[in-house]
Protein backbone atom coordinates (compact mmCIF):
# COMPACT_ATOMS: atom_id res chain seq x y z
CA MET A 1 0.00 0.00 0.00
CA LYS A 2 2.84 2.44 0.69
CA ASP A 3 3.83 2.42 -3.01
CA LEU A 4 0.27 2.65 -4.34
CA PHE A 5 0.83 6.09 -5.88
CA SER A 6 4.49 5.70 -6.75
CA LEU A 7 5.67 6.40 -10.31
CA LYS A 8 9.28 5.48 -9.64
CA GLY A 9 11.05 4.21 -12.74
CA ARG A 10 8.27 5.24 -15.13
CA VAL A 11 8.66 7.43 -18.20
CA ALA A 12 5.96 9.96 -19.07
CA LEU A 13 5.24 12.44 -21.84
CA VAL A 14 3.03 15.45 -21.07
CA THR A 15 1.96 17.58 -24.01
CA GLY A 16 1.38 21.24 -23.29
CA GLY A 17 3.61 20.68 -20.28
CA SER A 18 5.29 24.06 -20.09
CA ARG A 19 2.48 25.80 -18.21
CA GLY A 20 -0.96 25.47 -16.64
CA ILE A 21 -2.49 22.06 -16.11
CA GLY A 22 0.26 20.29 -18.03
CA LYS A 23 2.93 21.76 -15.77
CA MET A 24 0.92 20.83 -12.67
CA ILE A 25 0.77 17.21 -13.84
CA ALA A 26 4.43 17.08 -14.83
CA GLU A 27 5.48 18.43 -11.44
CA GLY A 28 3.31 15.88 -9.66
CA PHE A 29 4.68 12.97 -11.69
CA ILE A 30 8.26 14.04 -10.96
CA ALA A 31 7.51 14.24 -7.24
CA GLN A 32 6.38 10.61 -7.38
CA GLY A 33 9.57 9.47 -9.08
CA ALA A 34 8.80 9.60 -12.80
CA LYS A 35 11.05 10.81 -15.60
CA VAL A 36 8.92 13.32 -17.49
CA TYR A 37 9.28 14.70 -21.00
CA ILE A 38 7.31 17.86 -21.64
CA THR A 39 6.48 19.34 -25.01
CA ALA A 40 5.15 22.74 -26.05
CA ARG A 41 5.15 24.83 -29.20
CA LYS A 42 7.29 27.60 -27.69
CA ALA A 43 10.78 26.21 -27.17
CA ALA A 44 11.94 28.87 -24.72
CA ALA A 45 8.97 28.31 -22.40
CA CYS A 46 9.37 24.53 -22.61
CA ASP A 47 13.09 24.74 -21.82
CA ALA A 48 12.48 27.14 -18.93
CA THR A 49 9.90 24.86 -17.32
CA ALA A 50 12.14 21.82 -17.67
CA LYS A 51 14.95 23.73 -15.98
CA GLU A 52 12.59 24.81 -13.19
CA LEU A 53 11.30 21.29 -12.55
CA GLY A 54 14.75 19.75 -12.38
CA PRO A 55 16.82 16.99 -13.99
CA GLN A 56 13.94 14.53 -14.16
CA CYS A 57 12.14 16.87 -16.57
CA ILE A 58 13.29 16.95 -20.22
CA SER A 59 12.17 19.53 -22.76
CA LEU A 60 11.10 18.36 -26.23
CA PRO A 61 9.64 21.42 -27.98
CA ALA A 62 7.28 20.59 -30.84
CA ASP A 63 4.26 21.87 -32.72
CA ILE A 64 1.83 18.96 -32.60
CA SER A 65 -1.07 20.77 -34.23
CA THR A 66 -0.28 18.90 -37.46
CA LEU A 67 0.23 15.21 -38.18
CA ASP A 68 3.79 15.90 -39.34
CA GLY A 69 4.49 17.55 -35.99
CA VAL A 70 3.00 14.60 -34.14
CA LYS A 71 5.19 12.16 -36.03
CA ALA A 72 8.30 14.28 -35.50
CA LEU A 73 7.72 14.41 -31.74
CA ALA A 74 7.08 10.68 -31.54
CA LYS A 75 10.24 9.95 -33.53
CA GLU A 76 12.33 12.17 -31.26
CA LEU A 77 10.90 10.62 -28.10
CA MET A 78 11.25 7.02 -29.26
CA ALA A 79 14.87 7.69 -30.27
CA ARG A 80 15.49 8.45 -26.59
CA GLU A 81 13.01 6.07 -24.93
CA PRO A 82 12.04 2.72 -26.49
CA LYS A 83 9.31 2.38 -23.89
CA LEU A 84 6.71 4.89 -22.69
CA ASP A 85 4.71 4.22 -19.53
CA ILE A 86 2.44 7.28 -19.47
CA LEU A 87 1.13 9.65 -22.13
CA VAL A 88 -0.82 12.73 -21.07
CA ASN A 89 -2.65 14.39 -23.96
CA ASN A 90 -3.02 17.87 -22.51
CA ALA A 91 -2.14 20.35 -25.27
CA GLY A 92 -5.23 22.29 -26.31
CA ALA A 93 -6.75 25.46 -27.67
CA ALA A 94 -10.00 27.39 -27.35
CA TRP A 95 -11.89 29.94 -29.43
CA LEU A 96 -14.55 32.36 -28.26
CA ALA A 97 -16.83 34.16 -30.73
CA PRO A 98 -20.54 34.93 -31.14
CA PHE A 99 -22.58 32.32 -32.99
CA ASP A 100 -23.19 34.52 -36.06
CA GLU A 101 -19.50 35.40 -36.34
CA PHE A 102 -17.82 32.12 -35.42
CA PRO A 103 -15.10 31.46 -38.05
CA GLU A 104 -14.06 28.26 -39.75
CA LYS A 105 -10.51 28.85 -38.53
CA GLY A 106 -11.75 28.81 -34.95
CA TRP A 107 -13.42 25.48 -35.61
CA ASP A 108 -10.60 23.69 -37.42
CA LYS A 109 -7.76 24.85 -35.15
CA VAL A 110 -9.52 23.74 -31.97
CA LEU A 111 -10.85 20.41 -33.25
CA ASP A 112 -7.48 19.51 -34.75
CA LEU A 113 -5.46 20.16 -31.59
CA ASN A 114 -8.01 19.07 -28.98
CA THR A 115 -9.36 15.91 -30.60
CA LYS A 116 -7.35 14.91 -33.66
CA THR A 117 -3.91 15.31 -32.06
CA PRO A 118 -4.62 13.10 -29.00
CA PHE A 119 -5.79 10.29 -31.27
CA PHE A 120 -2.87 10.40 -33.69
CA LEU A 121 -0.22 10.97 -31.02
CA THR A 122 -1.50 7.94 -29.12
CA GLN A 123 -1.60 5.94 -32.34
CA THR A 124 1.96 6.95 -33.26
CA LEU A 125 3.31 6.22 -29.77
CA ALA A 126 1.39 2.97 -29.41
CA PRO A 127 4.49 0.80 -30.08
CA ALA A 128 6.32 2.46 -27.18
CA LEU A 129 3.26 2.19 -24.93
CA ARG A 130 2.82 -1.49 -25.82
CA ALA A 131 6.52 -2.14 -25.17
CA ALA A 132 6.19 -0.80 -21.63
CA ALA A 133 2.94 -2.56 -20.77
CA THR A 134 2.74 -5.68 -18.65
CA GLN A 135 -0.20 -7.35 -16.94
CA ALA A 136 1.11 -6.20 -13.58
CA LYS A 137 1.88 -2.68 -14.79
CA PRO A 138 -0.25 -1.41 -17.67
CA SER A 139 0.72 1.65 -19.65
CA LYS A 140 -1.51 4.69 -19.24
CA VAL A 141 -2.98 7.30 -21.57
CA ILE A 142 -4.68 10.24 -19.85
CA ASN A 143 -6.65 12.64 -22.04
CA ILE A 144 -7.30 16.09 -20.60
CA ALA A 145 -10.89 16.96 -21.46
CA SER A 146 -13.00 19.62 -19.71
CA ILE A 147 -16.23 19.95 -17.79
CA ASP A 148 -17.30 22.10 -20.75
CA GLY A 149 -17.67 18.80 -22.60
CA ILE A 150 -20.11 17.60 -19.92
CA TYR A 151 -22.21 20.52 -18.72
CA LEU A 152 -23.63 23.56 -20.51
CA THR A 153 -21.18 26.44 -20.39
CA PRO A 154 -22.48 30.00 -20.82
CA GLN A 155 -19.49 30.85 -23.02
CA GLU A 156 -19.83 30.78 -26.82
CA THR A 157 -16.95 28.36 -27.31
CA TYR A 158 -18.65 26.17 -29.90
CA SER A 159 -15.64 24.29 -31.22
CA TYR A 160 -14.12 23.88 -27.75
CA VAL A 161 -17.15 22.22 -26.17
CA THR A 162 -17.51 19.99 -29.23
CA SER A 163 -13.85 18.96 -29.08
CA LYS A 164 -13.96 18.14 -25.37
CA ALA A 165 -17.22 16.20 -25.55
CA GLY A 166 -15.74 14.30 -28.47
CA LEU A 167 -12.54 13.61 -26.54
CA ILE A 168 -14.54 12.09 -23.68
CA GLN A 169 -16.30 9.70 -26.07
CA LEU A 170 -13.02 9.03 -27.91
CA THR A 171 -11.48 8.10 -24.56
CA ARG A 172 -14.12 5.39 -24.10
CA LEU A 173 -13.61 3.92 -27.56
CA MET A 174 -9.82 4.01 -27.34
CA ALA A 175 -10.01 2.39 -23.91
CA SER A 176 -12.12 -0.48 -25.21
CA ARG A 177 -9.57 -1.22 -27.93
CA LEU A 178 -6.25 -0.53 -26.22
CA VAL A 179 -6.99 -2.40 -22.99
CA LYS A 180 -6.30 -5.54 -25.05
CA ASP A 181 -2.73 -4.29 -25.44
CA GLY A 182 -2.25 -3.48 -21.77
CA ILE A 183 -2.84 0.25 -22.33
CA HIS A 184 -5.43 1.81 -20.04
CA VAL A 185 -7.03 5.00 -21.34
CA THR A 186 -8.82 7.48 -19.09
CA ALA A 187 -9.59 11.19 -19.04
CA ILE A 188 -9.68 14.10 -16.63
CA ALA A 189 -12.27 16.86 -17.01
CA PRO A 190 -10.89 19.92 -15.18
CA GLY A 191 -13.00 22.77 -13.93
CA PRO A 192 -11.63 26.19 -12.94
CA PHE A 193 -7.84 26.20 -12.65
CA ALA A 194 -5.77 29.35 -13.07
CA SER A 195 -4.13 29.14 -16.49
CA GLU A 196 -3.82 30.76 -19.90
CA MET A 197 -6.73 28.58 -20.98
CA ASN A 198 -8.92 29.78 -18.12
CA VAL A 199 -8.27 33.47 -17.68
CA ASN A 200 -11.44 33.89 -15.61
CA ALA A 201 -10.09 31.60 -12.91
CA ARG A 202 -6.68 33.22 -13.21
CA ASP A 203 -7.78 36.86 -13.17
CA HIS A 204 -11.08 36.69 -11.24
CA GLU A 205 -10.44 33.98 -8.68
CA ASP A 206 -12.86 35.26 -6.04
CA GLN A 207 -15.80 35.53 -8.42
CA VAL A 208 -15.19 32.10 -9.94
CA ALA A 209 -14.74 30.55 -6.49
CA ALA A 210 -18.07 32.00 -5.35
CA ARG A 211 -19.83 30.15 -8.21
CA THR A 212 -18.12 26.85 -7.41
CA PRO A 213 -19.71 24.44 -4.89
CA ALA A 214 -16.31 23.90 -3.23
CA LYS A 215 -15.97 27.71 -2.92
CA ARG A 216 -12.48 27.80 -4.39
CA ILE A 217 -10.67 27.22 -7.66
CA GLY A 218 -8.45 24.23 -8.25
CA THR A 219 -4.85 24.04 -7.10
CA SER A 220 -1.78 22.31 -8.48
CA GLU A 221 -2.21 19.60 -5.85
CA ASP A 222 -5.79 18.92 -6.98
CA MET A 223 -4.76 18.36 -10.58
CA ALA A 224 -1.55 16.49 -9.82
CA GLY A 225 -3.38 14.23 -7.38
CA ALA A 226 -5.96 13.14 -9.92
CA ALA A 227 -3.34 12.51 -12.60
CA ILE A 228 -1.05 10.60 -10.21
CA PHE A 229 -3.99 8.41 -9.19
CA LEU A 230 -4.81 7.48 -12.77
CA ALA A 231 -1.15 7.01 -13.78
CA SER A 232 -0.13 4.87 -10.81
CA ARG A 233 -1.06 1.42 -9.48
CA ALA A 234 -3.87 3.13 -7.57
CA GLY A 235 -5.75 3.73 -10.82
CA ASP A 236 -5.06 0.48 -12.65
CA TYR A 237 -8.69 -0.67 -12.46
CA VAL A 238 -10.05 2.61 -13.88
CA ILE A 239 -10.48 2.23 -17.63
CA GLY A 240 -12.42 4.48 -20.01
CA SER A 241 -13.71 6.78 -17.27
CA THR A 242 -13.56 10.55 -17.16
CA VAL A 243 -12.76 11.94 -13.72
CA THR A 244 -14.18 15.40 -13.08
CA VAL A 245 -11.83 17.62 -11.07
CA ASP A 246 -13.97 20.72 -10.81
CA GLY A 247 -15.02 21.47 -7.24
CA GLY A 248 -18.49 20.13 -7.97
CA ILE A 249 -19.54 22.30 -10.92
CA ALA A 250 -20.57 19.56 -13.33
CA PHE A 251 -22.44 17.30 -10.93
CA ALA A 252 -22.94 19.04 -7.58
CA LYS A 253 -24.73 22.22 -8.64
CA SER A 254 -28.34 22.41 -7.51
CA TYR A 255 -31.15 22.37 -10.05
CA GLY A 256 -31.85 25.80 -11.43
CA SER A 257 -28.58 27.31 -10.24
CA ASP A 258 -26.79 29.83 -12.39
CA LEU A 259 -24.18 28.54 -14.81
């Protein structure tokens, strides 16, 4: 039981790991003993975060918004690590615009990065994930979705909510197929965490906290804890599920309450 949440000796890749939720997860994995590769589009930010998190964090800057970028990242990682224990598909984008003005660019960019990239990165890294998997220690894929894919958000983020709802369903289908290979696929649906993706929580913490049943926004420990659970032995029997980490917004709000 004392090693239930240990990640000692495991290798992880966290996309979008230079900041926000990805950085929270990477830091948590490192604290539990994992070797963590982080990737982000901006090389300087990725390198700076890796330096901050210490020698167990390695920077692999990449633009994974295209299939060529996905393949290039996978090739670089597998040249260094023949086996991959944990993949966290966290990199994402959002687009806010009124219904009558919502552009095609805002649709394609978000769907490609939020839904297409997790599928094809997992597919491309499947040989490394299969190589690491054993019956006693399955490999893990954790997709970072959002409560906006579960409940009705008041924001006009049409492509974002579609991408995250799709990622939750994709998680289930991928889980049903990859469990045969010893790869367990799950998802996390975050609520309000201070980040570039959630500027309301970052810039208006008190107001957002007041609308949250837990009466606070999420912390690094909240996000890291959920990810460590799913990545470690503690979460080995969780397959295909989406864990909401949102202070109760998606499922604990009373009927008729304001969004």
